[in-house]
N, C-alpha and C. Protein backbone atom coordinates (compact mmCIF):
# COMPACT_ATOMS: atom_id res chain seq x y z
N MET A 1 2.08 -16.67 -23.89
CA MET A 1 2.95 -16.74 -25.05
C MET A 1 4.40 -16.61 -24.60
N PHE A 2 5.25 -17.43 -25.16
CA PHE A 2 6.67 -17.36 -24.85
C PHE A 2 7.43 -16.80 -26.03
N ALA A 3 8.46 -16.05 -25.74
CA ALA A 3 9.35 -15.52 -26.76
C ALA A 3 10.77 -15.68 -26.25
N TYR A 4 11.71 -15.72 -27.15
CA TYR A 4 13.11 -15.82 -26.73
C TYR A 4 13.60 -14.42 -26.41
N GLY A 5 14.27 -14.27 -25.30
CA GLY A 5 14.72 -12.95 -24.90
C GLY A 5 15.74 -13.01 -23.78
N ILE A 6 15.84 -11.92 -23.05
CA ILE A 6 16.82 -11.74 -21.99
C ILE A 6 16.11 -11.64 -20.64
N ILE A 7 16.66 -12.32 -19.64
CA ILE A 7 16.18 -12.22 -18.26
C ILE A 7 17.27 -11.53 -17.46
N ILE A 8 16.92 -10.46 -16.76
CA ILE A 8 17.87 -9.72 -15.93
C ILE A 8 17.38 -9.79 -14.49
N VAL A 9 18.26 -10.23 -13.59
CA VAL A 9 17.94 -10.28 -12.17
C VAL A 9 18.93 -9.37 -11.45
N LEU A 10 18.41 -8.40 -10.69
CA LEU A 10 19.25 -7.48 -9.92
C LEU A 10 18.92 -7.65 -8.45
N ASP A 11 19.93 -7.62 -7.59
CA ASP A 11 19.68 -7.77 -6.15
C ASP A 11 20.78 -7.05 -5.38
N LEU A 12 20.38 -6.20 -4.45
CA LEU A 12 21.35 -5.51 -3.61
C LEU A 12 22.00 -6.51 -2.66
N ASP A 13 23.31 -6.40 -2.47
CA ASP A 13 24.06 -7.32 -1.62
C ASP A 13 24.03 -6.86 -0.17
N ARG A 14 23.77 -7.79 0.73
CA ARG A 14 23.80 -7.54 2.18
C ARG A 14 23.13 -6.21 2.53
N PHE A 15 21.93 -6.02 1.99
CA PHE A 15 21.27 -4.73 2.16
C PHE A 15 20.74 -4.50 3.56
N GLU A 16 20.35 -5.57 4.24
CA GLU A 16 19.88 -5.42 5.62
C GLU A 16 20.99 -4.85 6.51
N GLU A 17 22.21 -5.36 6.33
CA GLU A 17 23.36 -4.83 7.07
C GLU A 17 23.59 -3.35 6.74
N TYR A 18 23.46 -3.02 5.45
CA TYR A 18 23.67 -1.65 5.01
C TYR A 18 22.67 -0.69 5.66
N THR A 19 21.39 -1.10 5.73
CA THR A 19 20.38 -0.21 6.30
C THR A 19 20.61 -0.01 7.79
N VAL A 20 20.99 -1.07 8.49
CA VAL A 20 21.26 -0.95 9.92
C VAL A 20 22.47 -0.05 10.15
N GLU A 21 23.51 -0.26 9.36
CA GLU A 21 24.74 0.51 9.49
C GLU A 21 24.53 2.01 9.26
N HIS A 22 23.64 2.34 8.32
CA HIS A 22 23.39 3.74 7.99
C HIS A 22 22.15 4.32 8.68
N GLY A 23 21.46 3.50 9.47
CA GLY A 23 20.31 4.00 10.22
C GLY A 23 19.06 4.22 9.39
N TYR A 24 18.92 3.50 8.28
CA TYR A 24 17.74 3.63 7.43
C TYR A 24 16.65 2.66 7.89
N ASP A 25 15.40 3.02 7.60
CA ASP A 25 14.27 2.13 7.83
C ASP A 25 14.16 1.20 6.63
N GLN A 26 14.08 -0.10 6.87
CA GLN A 26 14.02 -1.08 5.79
C GLN A 26 12.73 -0.99 4.99
N TYR A 27 11.70 -0.41 5.56
CA TYR A 27 10.40 -0.41 4.91
C TYR A 27 10.03 0.92 4.28
N LYS A 28 10.99 1.82 4.20
CA LYS A 28 10.78 3.11 3.55
C LYS A 28 11.88 3.31 2.52
N PRO A 29 11.57 4.03 1.44
CA PRO A 29 12.61 4.27 0.44
C PRO A 29 13.77 5.05 1.05
N ASN A 30 14.97 4.72 0.66
CA ASN A 30 16.13 5.50 1.03
C ASN A 30 16.89 5.84 -0.25
N ILE A 31 18.03 6.45 -0.13
CA ILE A 31 18.75 6.92 -1.32
C ILE A 31 19.12 5.77 -2.26
N VAL A 32 19.48 4.62 -1.70
CA VAL A 32 19.90 3.49 -2.55
C VAL A 32 18.70 2.85 -3.24
N THR A 33 17.65 2.52 -2.48
CA THR A 33 16.50 1.86 -3.08
C THR A 33 15.74 2.79 -4.03
N GLY A 34 15.70 4.06 -3.70
CA GLY A 34 15.06 5.04 -4.59
C GLY A 34 15.82 5.18 -5.90
N THR A 35 17.14 5.22 -5.80
CA THR A 35 17.97 5.31 -7.00
C THR A 35 17.82 4.06 -7.86
N LEU A 36 17.84 2.90 -7.21
CA LEU A 36 17.69 1.65 -7.96
C LEU A 36 16.32 1.59 -8.66
N THR A 37 15.29 2.07 -8.00
CA THR A 37 13.96 2.12 -8.62
C THR A 37 14.00 2.90 -9.92
N ASN A 38 14.61 4.08 -9.88
CA ASN A 38 14.69 4.92 -11.08
C ASN A 38 15.57 4.30 -12.16
N LEU A 39 16.69 3.68 -11.76
CA LEU A 39 17.58 3.06 -12.74
C LEU A 39 16.91 1.87 -13.42
N VAL A 40 16.15 1.08 -12.67
CA VAL A 40 15.43 -0.06 -13.24
C VAL A 40 14.36 0.44 -14.21
N LYS A 41 13.62 1.47 -13.84
CA LYS A 41 12.59 2.04 -14.73
C LYS A 41 13.22 2.50 -16.05
N ASN A 42 14.35 3.21 -15.95
CA ASN A 42 15.01 3.70 -17.15
C ASN A 42 15.46 2.55 -18.05
N LEU A 43 15.98 1.48 -17.45
CA LEU A 43 16.42 0.32 -18.22
C LEU A 43 15.24 -0.34 -18.93
N VAL A 44 14.14 -0.48 -18.22
CA VAL A 44 12.94 -1.10 -18.79
C VAL A 44 12.41 -0.26 -19.96
N TYR A 45 12.37 1.05 -19.79
CA TYR A 45 11.87 1.92 -20.86
C TYR A 45 12.80 1.89 -22.07
N LYS A 46 14.10 1.90 -21.82
CA LYS A 46 15.07 1.95 -22.92
C LYS A 46 14.98 0.71 -23.80
N TYR A 47 14.84 -0.45 -23.19
CA TYR A 47 14.84 -1.70 -23.96
C TYR A 47 13.45 -2.30 -24.16
N ASN A 48 12.42 -1.56 -23.79
CA ASN A 48 11.04 -2.00 -23.97
C ASN A 48 10.81 -3.35 -23.29
N GLY A 49 11.27 -3.45 -22.05
CA GLY A 49 11.13 -4.69 -21.29
C GLY A 49 9.93 -4.68 -20.38
N SER A 50 9.83 -5.72 -19.56
CA SER A 50 8.74 -5.84 -18.59
C SER A 50 9.34 -6.13 -17.23
N VAL A 51 8.82 -5.46 -16.21
CA VAL A 51 9.23 -5.77 -14.85
C VAL A 51 8.35 -6.93 -14.39
N ILE A 52 8.99 -8.05 -14.10
CA ILE A 52 8.27 -9.24 -13.68
C ILE A 52 8.02 -9.19 -12.18
N TYR A 53 9.00 -8.68 -11.45
CA TYR A 53 8.88 -8.64 -10.00
C TYR A 53 9.87 -7.63 -9.42
N GLY A 54 9.48 -6.99 -8.34
CA GLY A 54 10.42 -6.25 -7.53
C GLY A 54 10.39 -4.74 -7.58
N LEU A 55 9.91 -4.14 -8.64
CA LEU A 55 9.90 -2.68 -8.70
C LEU A 55 8.88 -2.15 -7.70
N ASP A 56 9.36 -1.42 -6.70
CA ASP A 56 8.49 -0.98 -5.62
C ASP A 56 8.79 0.48 -5.29
N GLU A 57 7.95 1.37 -5.76
CA GLU A 57 8.17 2.80 -5.52
C GLU A 57 7.83 3.19 -4.09
N GLU A 58 6.94 2.46 -3.47
CA GLU A 58 6.51 2.77 -2.10
C GLU A 58 7.60 2.47 -1.07
N ARG A 59 8.24 1.31 -1.20
CA ARG A 59 9.28 0.89 -0.26
C ARG A 59 10.68 1.08 -0.82
N GLY A 60 10.80 1.25 -2.12
CA GLY A 60 12.09 1.28 -2.77
C GLY A 60 12.41 -0.12 -3.29
N THR A 61 13.23 -0.19 -4.31
CA THR A 61 13.53 -1.47 -4.96
C THR A 61 14.81 -2.06 -4.40
N GLU A 62 14.73 -3.28 -3.86
CA GLU A 62 15.91 -3.99 -3.38
C GLU A 62 16.32 -5.08 -4.36
N GLU A 63 15.36 -5.62 -5.08
CA GLU A 63 15.62 -6.67 -6.07
C GLU A 63 14.61 -6.49 -7.19
N ALA A 64 14.98 -6.99 -8.37
CA ALA A 64 14.06 -6.88 -9.50
C ALA A 64 14.37 -7.96 -10.52
N ILE A 65 13.32 -8.39 -11.21
CA ILE A 65 13.46 -9.29 -12.35
C ILE A 65 12.85 -8.58 -13.55
N ILE A 66 13.64 -8.49 -14.61
CA ILE A 66 13.22 -7.81 -15.83
C ILE A 66 13.34 -8.80 -16.98
N GLU A 67 12.37 -8.80 -17.87
CA GLU A 67 12.44 -9.61 -19.08
C GLU A 67 12.33 -8.70 -20.29
N ILE A 68 13.20 -8.97 -21.27
CA ILE A 68 13.19 -8.21 -22.52
C ILE A 68 13.04 -9.20 -23.66
N PRO A 69 11.88 -9.25 -24.29
CA PRO A 69 11.68 -10.20 -25.39
C PRO A 69 12.38 -9.77 -26.67
N TYR A 70 12.70 -10.77 -27.50
CA TYR A 70 13.28 -10.53 -28.83
C TYR A 70 14.53 -9.66 -28.78
N PHE A 71 15.40 -9.91 -27.81
CA PHE A 71 16.59 -9.07 -27.63
C PHE A 71 17.66 -9.47 -28.65
N PRO A 72 18.10 -8.53 -29.50
CA PRO A 72 19.11 -8.86 -30.52
C PRO A 72 20.51 -9.02 -29.91
N ASP A 73 21.27 -9.98 -30.43
CA ASP A 73 22.62 -10.23 -29.93
C ASP A 73 23.54 -9.02 -30.11
N GLU A 74 23.28 -8.20 -31.11
CA GLU A 74 24.13 -7.03 -31.36
C GLU A 74 24.07 -6.00 -30.23
N LYS A 75 23.01 -6.04 -29.44
CA LYS A 75 22.83 -5.04 -28.39
C LYS A 75 23.36 -5.49 -27.02
N ILE A 76 23.98 -6.67 -26.94
CA ILE A 76 24.47 -7.18 -25.66
C ILE A 76 25.52 -6.24 -25.07
N ASP A 77 26.44 -5.74 -25.90
CA ASP A 77 27.49 -4.84 -25.38
C ASP A 77 26.90 -3.55 -24.83
N GLU A 78 25.88 -3.03 -25.50
CA GLU A 78 25.20 -1.83 -25.02
C GLU A 78 24.51 -2.09 -23.68
N LEU A 79 23.87 -3.26 -23.56
CA LEU A 79 23.22 -3.64 -22.31
C LEU A 79 24.25 -3.77 -21.19
N LYS A 80 25.39 -4.39 -21.48
CA LYS A 80 26.45 -4.53 -20.47
C LYS A 80 26.90 -3.16 -19.95
N LYS A 81 27.05 -2.20 -20.87
CA LYS A 81 27.46 -0.85 -20.46
C LYS A 81 26.40 -0.21 -19.56
N ASP A 82 25.13 -0.40 -19.90
CA ASP A 82 24.05 0.16 -19.07
C ASP A 82 24.02 -0.49 -17.69
N LEU A 83 24.24 -1.79 -17.62
CA LEU A 83 24.27 -2.49 -16.34
C LEU A 83 25.48 -2.06 -15.52
N GLU A 84 26.59 -1.81 -16.18
CA GLU A 84 27.80 -1.32 -15.50
C GLU A 84 27.53 0.06 -14.90
N LYS A 85 26.77 0.90 -15.60
CA LYS A 85 26.40 2.22 -15.07
C LYS A 85 25.53 2.08 -13.82
N ILE A 86 24.59 1.13 -13.85
CA ILE A 86 23.74 0.89 -12.68
C ILE A 86 24.60 0.47 -11.50
N LYS A 87 25.51 -0.47 -11.73
CA LYS A 87 26.40 -0.95 -10.67
C LYS A 87 27.25 0.19 -10.11
N ASP A 88 27.78 1.03 -11.00
CA ASP A 88 28.61 2.16 -10.56
C ASP A 88 27.82 3.16 -9.72
N GLU A 89 26.57 3.43 -10.14
CA GLU A 89 25.72 4.37 -9.37
C GLU A 89 25.45 3.84 -7.97
N ILE A 90 25.14 2.55 -7.85
CA ILE A 90 24.87 1.94 -6.55
C ILE A 90 26.14 1.92 -5.70
N ASN A 91 27.28 1.62 -6.33
CA ASN A 91 28.56 1.62 -5.60
C ASN A 91 28.91 3.01 -5.08
N LYS A 92 28.59 4.05 -5.84
CA LYS A 92 28.87 5.43 -5.40
C LYS A 92 28.10 5.76 -4.12
N LEU A 93 26.96 5.12 -3.94
CA LEU A 93 26.13 5.37 -2.76
C LEU A 93 26.55 4.51 -1.56
N GLY A 94 27.58 3.67 -1.75
CA GLY A 94 28.10 2.87 -0.65
C GLY A 94 27.51 1.48 -0.53
N ALA A 95 26.68 1.08 -1.47
CA ALA A 95 26.08 -0.26 -1.45
C ALA A 95 26.66 -1.07 -2.61
N SER A 96 26.34 -2.35 -2.63
CA SER A 96 26.78 -3.18 -3.75
C SER A 96 25.59 -3.93 -4.31
N ILE A 97 25.73 -4.34 -5.58
CA ILE A 97 24.62 -5.00 -6.27
C ILE A 97 25.17 -6.13 -7.14
N SER A 98 24.43 -7.21 -7.21
CA SER A 98 24.76 -8.32 -8.09
C SER A 98 23.71 -8.35 -9.20
N ILE A 99 24.20 -8.54 -10.44
CA ILE A 99 23.31 -8.54 -11.60
C ILE A 99 23.62 -9.77 -12.45
N VAL A 100 22.58 -10.49 -12.83
CA VAL A 100 22.73 -11.67 -13.68
C VAL A 100 21.87 -11.50 -14.92
N VAL A 101 22.44 -11.83 -16.08
CA VAL A 101 21.71 -11.76 -17.35
C VAL A 101 21.79 -13.14 -18.00
N VAL A 102 20.63 -13.68 -18.36
CA VAL A 102 20.54 -15.00 -18.98
C VAL A 102 19.64 -14.89 -20.20
N LYS A 103 20.01 -15.59 -21.26
CA LYS A 103 19.16 -15.62 -22.46
C LYS A 103 18.32 -16.90 -22.41
N ASP A 104 17.01 -16.75 -22.49
CA ASP A 104 16.11 -17.90 -22.44
C ASP A 104 14.72 -17.43 -22.85
N TYR A 105 13.75 -18.32 -22.73
CA TYR A 105 12.38 -17.96 -23.04
C TYR A 105 11.82 -17.04 -21.95
N VAL A 106 11.05 -16.03 -22.38
CA VAL A 106 10.46 -15.06 -21.45
C VAL A 106 8.96 -15.00 -21.69
N THR A 107 8.25 -14.59 -20.64
CA THR A 107 6.79 -14.47 -20.76
C THR A 107 6.36 -13.01 -20.85
N GLY A 108 7.06 -12.13 -20.16
CA GLY A 108 6.68 -10.73 -20.13
C GLY A 108 5.50 -10.45 -19.22
N LYS A 109 5.05 -11.46 -18.51
CA LYS A 109 3.87 -11.33 -17.65
C LYS A 109 4.30 -11.15 -16.20
N PRO A 110 3.89 -10.07 -15.54
CA PRO A 110 4.27 -9.84 -14.14
C PRO A 110 3.84 -11.00 -13.23
N ALA A 111 4.69 -11.31 -12.28
CA ALA A 111 4.40 -12.39 -11.34
C ALA A 111 3.50 -11.88 -10.23
N ARG A 112 2.69 -12.79 -9.69
CA ARG A 112 1.81 -12.43 -8.59
C ARG A 112 2.48 -12.54 -7.23
N SER A 113 3.59 -13.30 -7.18
CA SER A 113 4.30 -13.49 -5.92
C SER A 113 5.79 -13.65 -6.19
N ARG A 114 6.56 -13.57 -5.14
CA ARG A 114 8.02 -13.75 -5.25
C ARG A 114 8.33 -15.17 -5.72
N ARG A 115 7.62 -16.13 -5.18
CA ARG A 115 7.84 -17.54 -5.56
C ARG A 115 7.60 -17.73 -7.06
N GLU A 116 6.50 -17.20 -7.55
CA GLU A 116 6.19 -17.33 -8.98
C GLU A 116 7.25 -16.61 -9.83
N ALA A 117 7.73 -15.48 -9.34
CA ALA A 117 8.72 -14.71 -10.08
C ALA A 117 10.01 -15.49 -10.29
N TYR A 118 10.49 -16.14 -9.24
CA TYR A 118 11.76 -16.83 -9.32
C TYR A 118 11.65 -18.26 -9.84
N ARG A 119 10.49 -18.86 -9.73
CA ARG A 119 10.35 -20.25 -10.14
C ARG A 119 9.49 -20.40 -11.39
N GLY A 120 9.04 -19.29 -11.95
CA GLY A 120 8.08 -19.33 -13.04
C GLY A 120 8.55 -19.99 -14.32
N THR A 121 9.77 -19.75 -14.75
CA THR A 121 10.27 -20.34 -15.99
C THR A 121 11.66 -20.93 -15.74
N PRO A 122 12.10 -21.84 -16.60
CA PRO A 122 13.44 -22.41 -16.44
C PRO A 122 14.55 -21.34 -16.47
N GLY A 123 14.37 -20.34 -17.30
CA GLY A 123 15.36 -19.27 -17.39
C GLY A 123 15.49 -18.49 -16.08
N ARG A 124 14.38 -18.22 -15.45
CA ARG A 124 14.42 -17.50 -14.16
C ARG A 124 15.05 -18.36 -13.08
N ARG A 125 14.74 -19.65 -13.08
CA ARG A 125 15.36 -20.56 -12.09
C ARG A 125 16.87 -20.60 -12.30
N LYS A 126 17.29 -20.64 -13.54
CA LYS A 126 18.72 -20.65 -13.86
C LYS A 126 19.37 -19.34 -13.40
N ALA A 127 18.73 -18.22 -13.67
CA ALA A 127 19.26 -16.92 -13.26
C ALA A 127 19.37 -16.84 -11.74
N LEU A 128 18.40 -17.38 -11.02
CA LEU A 128 18.44 -17.38 -9.56
C LEU A 128 19.60 -18.22 -9.04
N ARG A 129 19.81 -19.40 -9.64
CA ARG A 129 20.94 -20.25 -9.24
C ARG A 129 22.27 -19.52 -9.43
N ILE A 130 22.42 -18.86 -10.56
CA ILE A 130 23.65 -18.13 -10.85
C ILE A 130 23.80 -16.96 -9.88
N LEU A 131 22.70 -16.26 -9.60
CA LEU A 131 22.74 -15.13 -8.66
C LEU A 131 23.23 -15.58 -7.29
N ARG A 132 22.71 -16.71 -6.83
CA ARG A 132 23.15 -17.22 -5.52
C ARG A 132 24.65 -17.52 -5.52
N LYS A 133 25.17 -18.09 -6.61
CA LYS A 133 26.61 -18.37 -6.70
C LYS A 133 27.42 -17.07 -6.67
N VAL A 134 26.96 -16.09 -7.42
CA VAL A 134 27.65 -14.80 -7.47
C VAL A 134 27.68 -14.16 -6.08
N LYS A 135 26.56 -14.21 -5.38
CA LYS A 135 26.48 -13.60 -4.04
C LYS A 135 27.36 -14.36 -3.04
N ARG A 136 27.43 -15.68 -3.15
CA ARG A 136 28.30 -16.47 -2.26
C ARG A 136 29.76 -16.11 -2.46
N ARG A 137 30.11 -15.73 -3.66
CA ARG A 137 31.50 -15.36 -3.97
C ARG A 137 31.79 -13.88 -3.70
N GLY A 138 30.91 -13.22 -2.97
CA GLY A 138 31.16 -11.83 -2.58
C GLY A 138 30.25 -10.82 -3.24
N GLY A 139 29.61 -11.16 -4.31
CA GLY A 139 28.67 -10.25 -4.96
C GLY A 139 29.34 -9.08 -5.64
N ASN A 140 28.56 -8.04 -5.88
CA ASN A 140 29.00 -6.81 -6.54
C ASN A 140 29.60 -7.12 -7.92
N ARG A 141 28.93 -7.99 -8.66
CA ARG A 141 29.40 -8.38 -9.97
C ARG A 141 28.25 -8.39 -10.97
N ILE A 142 28.64 -8.35 -12.25
CA ILE A 142 27.69 -8.51 -13.34
C ILE A 142 28.08 -9.78 -14.06
N TYR A 143 27.13 -10.71 -14.15
CA TYR A 143 27.36 -11.99 -14.82
C TYR A 143 26.44 -12.06 -16.03
N VAL A 144 27.01 -12.22 -17.20
CA VAL A 144 26.21 -12.27 -18.42
C VAL A 144 26.45 -13.61 -19.11
N GLU A 145 25.37 -14.36 -19.33
CA GLU A 145 25.44 -15.64 -20.04
C GLU A 145 24.46 -15.61 -21.18
N VAL A 146 24.98 -15.36 -22.38
CA VAL A 146 24.10 -15.33 -23.57
C VAL A 146 24.66 -16.16 -24.70
């Protein structure tokens, strides 16, 4: 079943460089990935969304795709403030994050693979294209297209 809603894609910028620079193991949670895991969980609970891909408590979250069905236009400003808080928290820890929000059809169904997550719907493909552009321009930004 498809519903109209919001697709949120979050991705830490140049995280491999960050882990090497700070001496962290890429395959174990660290302060940044652990914090992002908790921030993503809180966002999903607050807006009654679904994590499509990326939430990983065992390794820590480096990227995530969230879908929120039936998202009202009146709540966009509140969502922007919450995403700004996530960005600020990650920046305080010395890392940067790029976040893209797109309004399109959502499924709410978790993906079985990374490929399915990013290529599953036209909205996710669009969000991925925008994310790549944001990251090429330096990242550490929030892009909202609704």
